Protein backbone atom coordinates (compact mmCIF):
# COMPACT_ATOMS: atom_id res chain seq x y z
CA MET A 1 86.65 -97.14 133.70
CA ALA A 2 87.68 -95.24 136.79
CA PHE A 3 90.54 -93.67 134.81
CA THR A 4 88.07 -91.34 133.07
CA ARG A 5 85.57 -90.62 135.87
CA PRO A 6 85.18 -90.97 139.63
CA VAL A 7 83.32 -94.07 140.80
CA GLY A 8 80.52 -91.75 141.95
CA ALA A 9 79.90 -90.87 138.29
CA PHE A 10 79.37 -94.50 137.23
CA ARG A 11 75.97 -95.25 135.71
CA VAL A 12 74.26 -98.14 137.54
CA GLY A 13 70.56 -98.65 136.89
CA ILE A 14 68.97 -95.66 135.15
CA LEU A 15 71.02 -92.89 136.78
CA THR A 16 74.62 -92.27 137.76
CA ILE A 17 75.41 -92.64 141.45
CA GLN A 18 75.83 -88.85 141.63
CA GLU A 19 72.42 -88.24 140.04
CA LYS A 20 70.75 -90.60 142.51
CA TRP A 21 72.11 -88.79 145.56
CA GLN A 22 71.27 -85.38 144.12
CA LEU A 23 67.62 -86.38 143.68
CA LEU A 24 67.38 -88.15 147.02
CA LEU A 25 69.04 -85.45 149.12
CA GLY A 26 67.94 -82.42 147.09
CA VAL A 27 71.45 -80.95 147.04
CA SER A 28 74.28 -80.60 144.55
CA VAL A 29 76.83 -83.43 144.75
CA SER A 30 80.54 -82.93 144.10
CA PHE A 31 83.57 -85.23 144.11
CA TYR A 32 86.74 -85.62 146.09
CA THR A 33 88.80 -87.27 143.38
CA GLU A 34 92.09 -87.30 141.48
CA LEU A 35 93.41 -83.86 140.55
CA TYR A 36 93.30 -84.45 136.77
CA LEU A 37 89.57 -85.33 137.02
CA GLN A 38 88.55 -82.24 138.96
CA GLU A 39 88.24 -79.91 135.96
CA LYS A 40 85.30 -82.03 134.79
CA PHE A 41 84.15 -83.51 138.09
CA HIS A 42 84.29 -80.62 140.51
CA SER A 43 85.60 -80.81 144.06
CA PRO A 44 83.52 -79.68 147.09
CA SER A 45 82.76 -75.97 147.41
CA PRO A 46 83.06 -74.16 150.76
CA SER A 47 80.08 -75.03 152.94
CA ALA A 48 78.83 -74.76 156.51
CA THR A 49 78.30 -78.52 156.66
CA TYR A 50 79.70 -81.41 154.63
CA LEU A 51 77.94 -84.74 154.28
CA VAL A 52 80.56 -87.08 152.82
CA VAL A 53 79.34 -90.40 151.40
CA ARG A 54 81.61 -93.19 150.15
CA ALA A 55 81.49 -92.89 146.35
CA ASP A 56 81.04 -96.59 145.60
CA LEU A 57 77.74 -96.86 147.47
CA CYS A 58 74.47 -97.18 145.59
CA PRO A 59 71.54 -95.84 147.61
CA THR A 60 68.99 -98.01 149.37
CA ILE A 61 65.97 -96.92 151.41
CA ASP A 62 67.68 -97.93 154.67
CA LEU A 63 70.86 -96.04 153.79
CA VAL A 64 68.95 -92.91 152.79
CA ASN A 65 67.07 -93.01 156.10
CA ALA A 66 70.32 -93.43 158.05
CA LEU A 67 71.95 -90.48 156.27
CA SER A 68 68.93 -88.23 156.79
CA THR A 69 69.24 -88.62 160.56
CA LEU A 70 73.05 -88.47 160.78
CA GLN A 71 74.10 -85.59 163.02
CA GLU A 72 77.07 -83.28 162.58
CA GLY A 73 80.22 -84.72 164.16
CA CYS A 74 79.13 -88.32 163.52
CA VAL A 75 80.37 -91.09 161.27
CA LEU A 76 78.32 -94.04 160.00
CA GLU A 77 80.24 -97.32 159.99
CA LYS A 78 79.72 -100.97 159.07
CA ASP A 79 82.16 -103.78 159.81
CA GLY A 80 84.90 -101.29 160.69
CA ASP A 81 84.61 -99.29 157.43
CA TRP A 82 83.18 -95.81 157.25
CA ILE A 83 80.11 -95.26 155.07
CA ALA A 84 79.45 -91.56 155.56
CA TYR A 85 80.22 -88.72 157.94
CA LYS A 86 78.99 -85.19 158.61
CA VAL A 87 81.39 -82.41 159.62
CA ASN A 88 81.53 -78.59 159.68
CA LYS A 89 85.09 -78.47 158.32
CA TRP A 90 86.15 -80.32 155.18
CA CYS A 91 88.29 -83.41 155.65
CA PRO A 92 88.86 -86.16 153.08
CA GLU A 93 88.75 -89.00 155.63
CA PRO A 94 86.83 -89.35 158.90
CA THR A 95 88.85 -89.15 162.08
CA GLY A 96 87.47 -91.78 164.42
CA ASP A 97 88.90 -90.17 167.57
CA THR A 98 86.96 -86.93 167.04
CA LEU A 99 83.71 -88.26 165.54
CA ASN A 100 80.94 -90.20 167.22
CA VAL A 101 80.59 -93.63 165.61
CA HIS A 102 77.13 -94.88 164.65
CA PRO A 103 76.87 -98.49 163.44
CA TYR A 104 74.89 -99.24 160.30
CA GLU A 105 73.05 -102.56 160.24
CA GLY A 106 71.47 -102.41 156.79
CA GLU A 107 72.59 -103.98 153.53
CA LEU A 108 75.13 -102.16 151.35
CA HIS A 109 75.27 -102.19 147.56
CA ARG A 110 78.89 -101.32 146.73
CA ILE A 111 80.67 -101.02 143.40
CA GLN A 112 83.99 -102.48 144.51
CA PHE A 113 84.77 -104.41 141.34
CA LEU A 114 83.87 -104.04 137.65
CA GLU A 115 81.38 -106.89 137.75
CA ASP A 116 79.44 -105.19 140.57
CA ILE A 117 78.14 -102.66 138.02
CA TYR A 118 75.94 -105.19 136.24
CA LEU A 119 75.40 -107.37 139.33
CA HIS A 120 73.68 -104.45 141.12
CA ASN A 121 72.12 -103.04 137.98
CA ALA A 122 68.73 -104.78 138.14
CA THR A 123 68.14 -103.68 141.73
CA GLN A 124 69.19 -100.14 140.86
CA ILE A 125 66.88 -100.00 137.82
CA SER A 126 63.97 -100.78 140.16
CA PHE A 127 65.19 -98.27 142.75
CA ASP A 128 65.65 -95.50 140.16
CA PHE A 129 62.33 -96.36 138.52
CA GLU A 130 60.48 -95.61 141.76
CA LEU A 131 62.52 -92.46 142.29
CA LEU A 132 61.98 -91.07 138.79
CA THR A 133 58.34 -92.02 138.20
CA LYS A 134 56.79 -91.11 141.54
CA GLY A 135 53.89 -88.75 140.89
CA LYS A 136 54.45 -88.84 137.11
CA THR A 137 52.19 -90.14 134.36
CA SER A 138 53.59 -92.28 131.59
CA ALA A 139 53.04 -91.32 127.96
CA ILE A 140 50.84 -93.64 125.91
CA LEU A 141 52.47 -95.88 123.32
CA HIS A 142 51.07 -96.51 119.86
CA ASP A 143 48.51 -99.34 119.92
CA SER A 144 50.69 -101.50 117.65
CA ASN A 145 52.84 -102.25 120.70
CA THR A 146 52.17 -105.04 123.22
CA VAL A 147 52.61 -104.33 126.93
CA ILE A 148 52.58 -107.23 129.40
CA GLY A 149 52.12 -106.10 133.00
CA ASP A 150 51.73 -102.54 134.27
CA ASN A 151 55.26 -101.55 135.26
CA LEU A 152 56.18 -99.49 132.20
CA TYR A 153 57.06 -95.80 132.14
CA VAL A 154 57.39 -93.93 128.85
CA GLY A 155 58.76 -90.39 128.63
CA THR A 156 57.85 -87.66 126.17
CA ASN A 157 58.52 -87.79 122.42
CA VAL A 158 59.18 -91.55 122.46
CA THR A 159 58.73 -93.42 119.18
CA ALA A 160 57.88 -97.14 119.31
CA PHE A 161 55.94 -99.35 116.90
CA SER A 162 55.19 -103.09 117.04
CA CYS A 163 57.43 -103.75 120.06
CA THR A 164 56.75 -105.94 123.09
CA PHE A 165 57.35 -104.79 126.67
CA ASN A 166 57.22 -107.51 129.35
CA THR A 167 57.25 -105.96 132.83
CA LEU A 168 56.13 -108.98 134.86
CA ASP A 169 59.61 -109.56 136.33
CA GLY A 170 60.75 -105.95 136.56
CA PRO A 171 60.05 -102.40 135.38
CA ILE A 172 60.88 -100.93 131.99
CA TYR A 173 61.84 -97.25 131.85
CA ILE A 174 61.95 -95.44 128.51
CA ALA A 175 63.33 -91.90 128.80
CA ASP A 176 62.40 -88.88 126.66
CA ASP A 177 63.24 -88.85 122.93
CA ALA A 178 64.02 -92.57 122.77
CA LEU A 179 63.45 -94.53 119.55
CA LEU A 180 62.44 -98.18 119.62
CA GLU A 181 62.27 -99.63 116.14
CA GLN A 182 59.66 -102.19 115.15
CA GLY A 183 59.92 -105.79 116.20
CA SER A 184 62.04 -105.15 119.30
CA HIS A 185 61.38 -107.26 122.39
CA LEU A 186 62.15 -105.98 125.90
CA LYS A 187 61.83 -107.94 129.14
CA GLY A 188 62.32 -105.93 132.32
CA PRO A 189 64.06 -104.73 134.33
CA ILE A 190 65.33 -102.53 131.51
CA ALA A 191 66.24 -98.84 131.17
CA ILE A 192 66.58 -96.93 127.90
CA GLY A 193 68.17 -93.50 128.43
CA LYS A 194 67.22 -90.15 126.92
CA GLY A 195 67.69 -90.21 123.16
CA GLY A 196 68.56 -93.92 123.22
CA ARG A 197 67.89 -96.08 120.17
CA VAL A 198 66.86 -99.74 120.10
CA LYS A 199 67.46 -101.16 116.62
CA MET A 200 64.89 -103.17 114.67
CA GLY A 201 64.34 -106.71 115.93
CA SER A 202 66.46 -106.34 119.07
CA ARG A 203 66.07 -108.84 121.92
CA LEU A 204 66.76 -107.21 125.28
CA TYR A 205 66.63 -109.63 128.19
CA PRO A 206 66.40 -108.57 131.87
CA ASN A 207 68.99 -106.36 133.53
CA VAL A 208 69.93 -104.12 130.61
CA SER A 209 70.63 -100.39 130.88
CA VAL A 210 71.24 -98.31 127.77
CA GLY A 211 72.63 -94.84 128.50
CA PRO A 212 71.62 -91.51 126.97
CA ASN A 213 72.09 -91.29 123.19
CA ALA A 214 73.37 -94.88 123.02
CA THR A 215 72.33 -97.43 120.41
CA ILE A 216 71.64 -101.10 121.07
CA GLY A 217 70.82 -104.01 118.76
CA GLY A 218 70.96 -107.80 118.55
CA GLU A 219 70.76 -110.02 121.64
CA VAL A 220 71.66 -108.37 124.95
CA ASN A 221 71.49 -109.60 128.55
CA ASN A 222 72.88 -108.39 131.91
CA THR A 223 74.57 -105.38 130.34
CA VAL A 224 75.17 -101.75 131.23
CA MET A 225 76.05 -99.45 128.32
CA TRP A 226 77.00 -95.88 129.09
CA GLU A 227 76.16 -92.81 127.04
CA ASN A 228 76.96 -92.25 123.35
CA SER A 229 78.04 -95.85 122.73
CA ALA A 230 76.80 -98.21 120.03
CA LYS A 231 76.20 -101.89 119.46
CA GLY A 232 73.97 -101.39 116.48
CA HIS A 233 73.99 -104.83 114.88
CA ASP A 234 73.42 -108.52 115.50
CA GLY A 235 75.63 -110.40 117.92
CA TYR A 236 75.46 -111.29 121.61
CA LEU A 237 76.46 -109.01 124.48
CA GLY A 238 76.10 -110.31 128.03
CA CYS A 239 77.40 -109.80 131.58
CA ALA A 240 79.08 -106.69 130.21
CA VAL A 241 79.80 -103.05 130.93
CA ILE A 242 80.49 -100.77 127.96
CA GLY A 243 81.94 -97.31 128.65
CA GLU A 244 81.18 -93.97 127.02
CA GLY A 245 81.71 -93.41 123.29
CA CYS A 246 82.43 -97.06 122.45
CA ASN A 247 81.54 -98.88 119.24
CA LEU A 248 81.13 -102.62 118.66
CA GLY A 249 81.39 -103.62 115.01
CA ALA A 250 78.67 -105.58 113.23
CA GLY A 251 78.52 -109.22 114.28
CA THR A 252 80.54 -108.72 117.46
CA SER A 253 79.79 -111.21 120.24
CA ASN A 254 81.28 -111.91 123.65
CA SER A 255 81.55 -115.06 125.72
CA ASN A 256 80.53 -114.94 129.37
CA LEU A 257 81.04 -118.58 130.36
CA GLN A 258 84.17 -120.73 130.21
CA ASN A 259 83.94 -124.23 128.75
CA ASN A 260 85.16 -125.67 132.06
CA TRP A 261 82.43 -123.75 133.96
CA LYS A 262 84.99 -122.57 136.51
CA PRO A 263 85.06 -119.13 138.21
CA ILE A 264 86.59 -116.46 136.02
CA LYS A 265 89.74 -114.41 136.51
CA LEU A 266 89.77 -110.71 135.56
CA TYR A 267 92.68 -108.39 134.99
CA ASP A 268 92.83 -105.98 137.93
CA TYR A 269 94.59 -102.63 137.40
CA LYS A 270 95.16 -102.11 141.12
CA LEU A 271 96.85 -105.49 141.50
CA GLY A 272 98.58 -105.30 138.12
CA ASP A 273 97.66 -108.96 137.87
CA TRP A 274 94.73 -111.35 137.55
CA ARG A 275 92.06 -111.33 140.24
CA LYS A 276 90.14 -114.47 141.06
CA THR A 277 86.40 -113.84 141.14
CA VAL A 278 83.72 -116.13 142.54
CA ARG A 279 81.60 -115.68 139.38
CA ASN A 280 81.12 -118.28 136.68
CA LYS A 281 79.56 -115.80 134.24
CA ILE A 282 81.48 -112.62 133.37
CA GLY A 283 81.58 -111.04 129.93
CA VAL A 284 83.48 -107.97 128.79
CA PHE A 285 84.38 -104.54 130.18
CA MET A 286 85.30 -101.75 127.75
CA GLY A 287 86.81 -98.42 128.74
CA ASP A 288 85.66 -95.14 127.18
CA PHE A 289 86.16 -94.65 123.42
CA ALA A 290 87.21 -98.26 122.85
CA MET A 291 86.21 -99.79 119.52
CA CYS A 292 86.30 -103.23 117.97
CA GLY A 293 85.98 -104.26 114.32
CA ILE A 294 83.29 -106.31 112.58
CA ASN A 295 82.77 -109.91 113.66
CA SER A 296 84.93 -109.44 116.74
CA SER A 297 84.98 -112.42 119.10
CA ILE A 298 85.57 -111.35 122.70
CA THR A 299 86.70 -113.97 125.18
CA THR A 300 85.22 -114.62 128.63
CA GLY A 301 86.19 -112.06 131.27
CA ALA A 302 87.83 -109.59 128.89
CA VAL A 303 89.04 -106.17 130.01
CA ILE A 304 89.53 -103.74 127.12
CA GLY A 305 91.10 -100.43 128.08
CA VAL A 306 90.35 -96.78 127.31
CA GLY A 307 90.85 -95.61 123.72
CA VAL A 308 91.52 -99.07 122.27
CA GLN A 309 91.21 -99.90 118.56
CA VAL A 310 91.11 -103.66 118.07
CA SER A 311 90.28 -105.55 114.88
CA MET A 312 91.23 -109.23 114.84
CA SER A 313 90.09 -112.40 113.11
CA ASN A 314 91.28 -114.31 116.19
CA ILE A 315 89.66 -114.14 119.61
CA ILE A 316 90.48 -110.83 121.33
CA PRO A 317 92.80 -111.32 124.35
CA LYS A 318 91.53 -111.20 127.92
CA PHE A 319 93.35 -107.90 128.54
CA VAL A 320 93.91 -105.20 125.96
CA PRO A 321 95.95 -102.30 127.42
CA ASP A 322 94.67 -98.74 127.20
CA PHE A 323 95.28 -96.87 123.93
CA SER A 324 96.28 -100.04 122.09
CA TRP A 325 96.07 -100.45 118.33
CA MET A 326 95.74 -104.22 117.88
CA THR A 327 95.26 -106.33 114.76
CA ASP A 328 96.33 -109.83 113.72
CA GLU A 329 99.59 -108.38 112.38
CA LYS A 330 100.57 -105.85 115.02
CA LYS A 331 100.19 -104.67 118.58
CA GLU A 332 101.26 -101.11 119.19
CA ARG A 333 100.48 -97.94 121.10
CA TYR A 334 97.86 -95.61 119.59
CA VAL A 335 99.65 -92.43 118.46
CA TRP A 336 98.08 -89.59 120.46
CA HIS A 337 97.49 -87.12 117.64
CA LYS A 338 95.79 -89.84 115.58
CA PHE A 339 93.53 -90.71 118.51
CA GLU A 340 92.72 -87.02 118.99
CA ASP A 341 91.96 -86.62 115.28
CA MET A 342 89.66 -89.65 115.40
CA LEU A 343 87.71 -88.20 118.33
CA LYS A 344 87.27 -84.88 116.56
CA GLU A 345 86.13 -86.54 113.34
CA ARG A 346 83.75 -88.76 115.31
CA GLY A 347 82.36 -85.67 117.04
CA ARG A 348 81.77 -83.98 113.70
CA ILE A 349 79.90 -86.97 112.28
CA VAL A 350 77.69 -87.59 115.33
CA ASN A 351 77.24 -83.84 115.89
CA LYS A 352 78.84 -83.93 119.34
CA ARG A 353 81.98 -81.85 119.43
CA VAL A 354 84.67 -83.17 121.74
CA GLN A 355 85.38 -80.76 124.60
CA GLU A 356 88.91 -79.53 125.29
CA LYS A 357 88.60 -80.53 128.95
CA ASP A 358 87.78 -84.08 127.83
CA LEU A 359 90.87 -84.14 125.62
CA ARG A 360 93.00 -82.92 128.52
CA LEU A 361 91.55 -85.63 130.76
CA LEU A 362 92.19 -88.34 128.16
CA TRP A 363 95.74 -87.05 127.62
CA GLU A 364 96.40 -87.54 131.34
CA VAL A 365 95.12 -91.11 131.10
CA TYR A 366 97.25 -91.65 127.98
CA CYS A 367 100.36 -90.56 129.90
CA MET A 368 99.50 -92.59 133.00
CA THR A 369 99.07 -95.82 131.06
CA ARG A 370 102.27 -95.74 128.99
CA GLN A 371 103.82 -98.60 130.95
CA GLU A 372 101.03 -101.15 130.46
CA GLU A 373 102.33 -104.34 128.88
CA PHE A 374 100.88 -106.54 126.12
CA ASN A 375 102.30 -109.76 127.52
CA ILE A 376 100.33 -110.02 130.77
C-alpha cells in the first residue's frame, strides 16, 4: 500500500493522516517521500519555518498540544525516536547535536504495520468525528430510519430509508452525497465517505470506514476501505484493509482466524519474508487496483499486491505478488499495456478518467516489483 502513496496519505478513521494535520494545524501539509511519488504527493515548498512530523503518526489531543508549543530548534522525542521537529532550514532528519530535545510522555498511535490501520481505526473515527462535526448541525434523516443513541452526523444530500444506526458504542459519520439503501444496519463507530454507497441489507459492525465513492455490501467488520473501491455483494470482510480502486467479486469472503487459533504471520515487503505478529485475528490487505473474481475465498492473513487480478476456485494464497494474473491454471505477470487498457476502460465506465500522473506512478511500481516471486 505504501508503494502507491506515502504513509501520511493513508486513510485511517474518516480522514487521511494528511487531512487530519491540515485541519488541526490550519496549514497545508506536504510530503518528504520517494521521488517517483512526488509528482502526485508534493514535497515541501520553501518556507521560513518547517514543522516536520513523522508520517506514520495519527494525531491525538496530547500530541497536538505538544506540537503547538514546540519551539524552533527543538525536537520532540519518545523512547529515543524522534516524533517531530521545528527548524528554519529544511532537513529530512533531525540532528540531535544541534536541536534541543524535548521528551514526549503521551501515548502514540503509529501506523508501523499493515494491521495498525484497522487496529487504530475505531479510535481515529471518534477523533475525526469530533474534529469534523464541531459546531456543525447534522441533517435530518427520513423518519423511516431508526437511530439508537445521539452520536450520528449526517451530511448534505444523503439518501437513507429504513436503515438502523446504533451509536451507543461509537459515532456514525455519514458524509455528503452518501447513499444508504433500505434495510442496512450500521453499528458505530462507522464512517461512510463522501459519495459512498451502502448496498441494500448490508450489516456493518463496529470499526468500519468506507472511503469516498466506495461501495460496501454484505457483512463487514473491522475494515478500512479506501476510495473508489467496491465490495458490492454478499460475503464476509473482516480485519481488512482494501486499497483504492479495488473490486471484490460477488460472494467473496475472507478468513481472519486460523483453525489453530495461533498468532498470524504476514508477508512483509521490507523483510522479504514472513513477519510474526502477536494478533490472532488478521484478515486481508489489498493494494490499489487489485481485483478478485466471484466467490473468491481469501485465506487468513493474506497480502494481495497492487494491480492484481486473481480468480481461483481454490483458496487464494497468503501472498499474491504485485501485478499478478492468477487463476487455477496459471500464474503470470500482468502485461503492462493490458493493465493500462483495463484502467482506462474502468475509468470510462465509472466516469473517472485515469490521470497520466497516476499511470506514471503505477508504471514505476510495476518496474520496481518485477522480481517478486510466486513461490514465497
